Amino acid sequence: MKTTRVGLVTKEWPPQVYGGAGVHAVQLTEALRTLDGVSVDVHCFGGVREDGAIGYLTPASFADANPAVQAIATDLDIA
């Protein structure tokens, strides 16, 4: 059987879930992981994680930027 790999990019991931998008990301990941032949890698904001997700910090050169620019910089780092 062929394995389908899914890469989920999300700003919110436990323990930093504060809205509907984060809840959706968690529930979608849980549902996809129940399917045979599906592998899900989660790429999220917030640095090192112990739950298997790959966390990313805002690049140091953007530490003083406004939050929108910080989010874009972190997304580019993930990409």
C-alpha atoms as a PDB file:
ATOM      1  CA  MET A   1       0.000   0.000   0.000  1.00  0.00           C
ATOM      2  CA  LYS A   2       1.252   3.463  -0.892  1.00  0.00           C
ATOM      3  CA  THR A   3       1.679   5.920   1.992  1.00  0.00           C
ATOM      4  CA  THR A   4       0.205   9.367   1.541  1.00  0.00           C
ATOM      5  CA  ARG A   5       2.207  12.051   3.337  1.00  0.00           C
ATOM      6  CA  VAL A   6       0.435  15.165   4.562  1.00  0.00           C
ATOM      7  CA  GLY A   7       2.262  18.242   5.853  1.00  0.00           C
ATOM      8  CA  LEU A   8       0.046  20.444   8.006  1.00  0.00           C
ATOM      9  CA  VAL A   9       1.218  24.026   8.653  1.00  0.00           C
ATOM     10  CA  THR A  10      -0.518  25.784  11.527  1.00  0.00           C
ATOM     11  CA  LYS A  11       0.119  28.701  13.835  1.00  0.00           C
ATOM     12  CA  GLU A  12      -1.861  27.076  16.635  1.00  0.00           C
ATOM     13  CA  TRP A  13      -0.904  23.716  18.097  1.00  0.00           C
ATOM     14  CA  PRO A  14      -1.262  22.468  21.675  1.00  0.00           C
ATOM     15  CA  PRO A  15      -0.671  23.893  24.143  1.00  0.00           C
ATOM     16  CA  GLN A  16      -1.086  27.191  22.225  1.00  0.00           C
ATOM     17  CA  VAL A  17      -4.612  26.673  20.893  1.00  0.00           C
ATOM     18  CA  TYR A  18      -6.699  29.798  21.352  1.00  0.00           C
ATOM     19  CA  GLY A  19      -9.322  29.682  18.627  1.00  0.00           C
ATOM     20  CA  GLY A  20     -11.319  27.674  16.164  1.00  0.00           C
ATOM     21  CA  ALA A  21      -8.471  27.305  13.661  1.00  0.00           C
ATOM     22  CA  GLY A  22      -6.318  25.557  16.255  1.00  0.00           C
ATOM     23  CA  VAL A  23      -9.124  23.222  17.271  1.00  0.00           C
ATOM     24  CA  HIS A  24      -9.734  22.421  13.597  1.00  0.00           C
ATOM     25  CA  ALA A  25      -6.011  21.716  12.989  1.00  0.00           C
ATOM     26  CA  VAL A  26      -5.875  19.304  15.939  1.00  0.00           C
ATOM     27  CA  GLN A  27      -9.084  17.476  14.999  1.00  0.00           C
ATOM     28  CA  LEU A  28      -8.160  17.275  11.309  1.00  0.00           C
ATOM     29  CA  THR A  29      -4.758  15.814  12.195  1.00  0.00           C
ATOM     30  CA  GLU A  30      -6.323  13.266  14.545  1.00  0.00           C
ATOM     31  CA  ALA A  31      -8.828  12.206  11.870  1.00  0.00           C
ATOM     32  CA  LEU A  32      -6.217  11.912   9.112  1.00  0.00           C
ATOM     33  CA  ARG A  33      -3.963   9.824  11.348  1.00  0.00           C
ATOM     34  CA  THR A  34      -6.727   7.217  11.746  1.00  0.00           C
ATOM     35  CA  LEU A  35      -6.685   6.495   7.999  1.00  0.00           C
ATOM     36  CA  ASP A  36      -4.636   3.581   6.727  1.00  0.00           C
ATOM     37  CA  GLY A  37      -1.692   4.666   4.635  1.00  0.00           C
ATOM     38  CA  VAL A  38      -1.730   8.327   5.764  1.00  0.00           C
ATOM     39  CA  SER A  39       1.199   9.950   7.533  1.00  0.00           C
ATOM     40  CA  VAL A  40       0.793  13.480   8.934  1.00  0.00           C
ATOM     41  CA  ASP A  41       3.665  15.799   9.839  1.00  0.00           C
ATOM     42  CA  VAL A  42       2.680  18.935  11.752  1.00  0.00           C
ATOM     43  CA  HIS A  43       4.738  22.109  11.307  1.00  0.00           C
ATOM     44  CA  CYS A  44       3.732  24.781  13.808  1.00  0.00           C
ATOM     45  CA  PHE A  45       4.757  28.010  15.476  1.00  0.00           C
ATOM     46  CA  GLY A  46       6.276  28.009  18.931  1.00  0.00           C
ATOM     47  CA  GLY A  47       9.623  26.259  18.935  1.00  0.00           C
ATOM     48  CA  VAL A  48      10.597  22.803  20.145  1.00  0.00           C
ATOM     49  CA  ARG A  49       7.723  20.380  20.803  1.00  0.00           C
ATOM     50  CA  GLU A  50       7.622  17.094  22.665  1.00  0.00           C
ATOM     51  CA  ASP A  51       4.524  15.747  20.902  1.00  0.00           C
ATOM     52  CA  GLY A  52       6.146  14.963  17.562  1.00  0.00           C
ATOM     53  CA  ALA A  53       5.198  18.243  15.914  1.00  0.00           C
ATOM     54  CA  ILE A  54       7.971  20.303  14.352  1.00  0.00           C
ATOM     55  CA  GLY A  55       7.954  23.748  15.953  1.00  0.00           C
ATOM     56  CA  TYR A  56       9.470  26.921  14.528  1.00  0.00           C
ATOM     57  CA  LEU A  57      10.450  30.106  16.333  1.00  0.00           C
ATOM     58  CA  THR A  58      10.219  33.529  14.754  1.00  0.00           C
ATOM     59  CA  PRO A  59      13.568  34.206  13.054  1.00  0.00           C
ATOM     60  CA  ALA A  60      15.745  36.359  15.311  1.00  0.00           C
ATOM     61  CA  SER A  61      16.097  39.072  12.674  1.00  0.00           C
ATOM     62  CA  PHE A  62      12.310  39.639  12.907  1.00  0.00           C
ATOM     63  CA  ALA A  63      12.049  39.695  16.716  1.00  0.00           C
ATOM     64  CA  ASP A  64      11.194  43.424  16.763  1.00  0.00           C
ATOM     65  CA  ALA A  65       8.839  43.341  13.763  1.00  0.00           C
ATOM     66  CA  ASN A  66       5.081  43.653  14.094  1.00  0.00           C
ATOM     67  CA  PRO A  67       3.178  40.374  14.655  1.00  0.00           C
ATOM     68  CA  ALA A  68       1.942  40.117  11.053  1.00  0.00           C
ATOM     69  CA  VAL A  69       5.480  40.344   9.673  1.00  0.00           C
ATOM     70  CA  GLN A  70       6.700  37.871  12.318  1.00  0.00           C
ATOM     71  CA  ALA A  71       4.040  35.384  11.179  1.00  0.00           C
ATOM     72  CA  ILE A  72       5.064  35.768   7.528  1.00  0.00           C
ATOM     73  CA  ALA A  73       8.744  35.328   8.425  1.00  0.00           C
ATOM     74  CA  THR A  74       7.960  32.176  10.416  1.00  0.00           C
ATOM     75  CA  ASP A  75       5.815  30.805   7.562  1.00  0.00           C
ATOM     76  CA  LEU A  76       8.691  31.373   5.142  1.00  0.00           C
ATOM     77  CA  ASP A  77      11.020  29.547   7.510  1.00  0.00           C
ATOM     78  CA  ILE A  78       8.597  26.610   7.582  1.00  0.00           C
ATOM     79  CA  ALA A  79       8.328  26.602   3.775  1.00  0.00           C
END
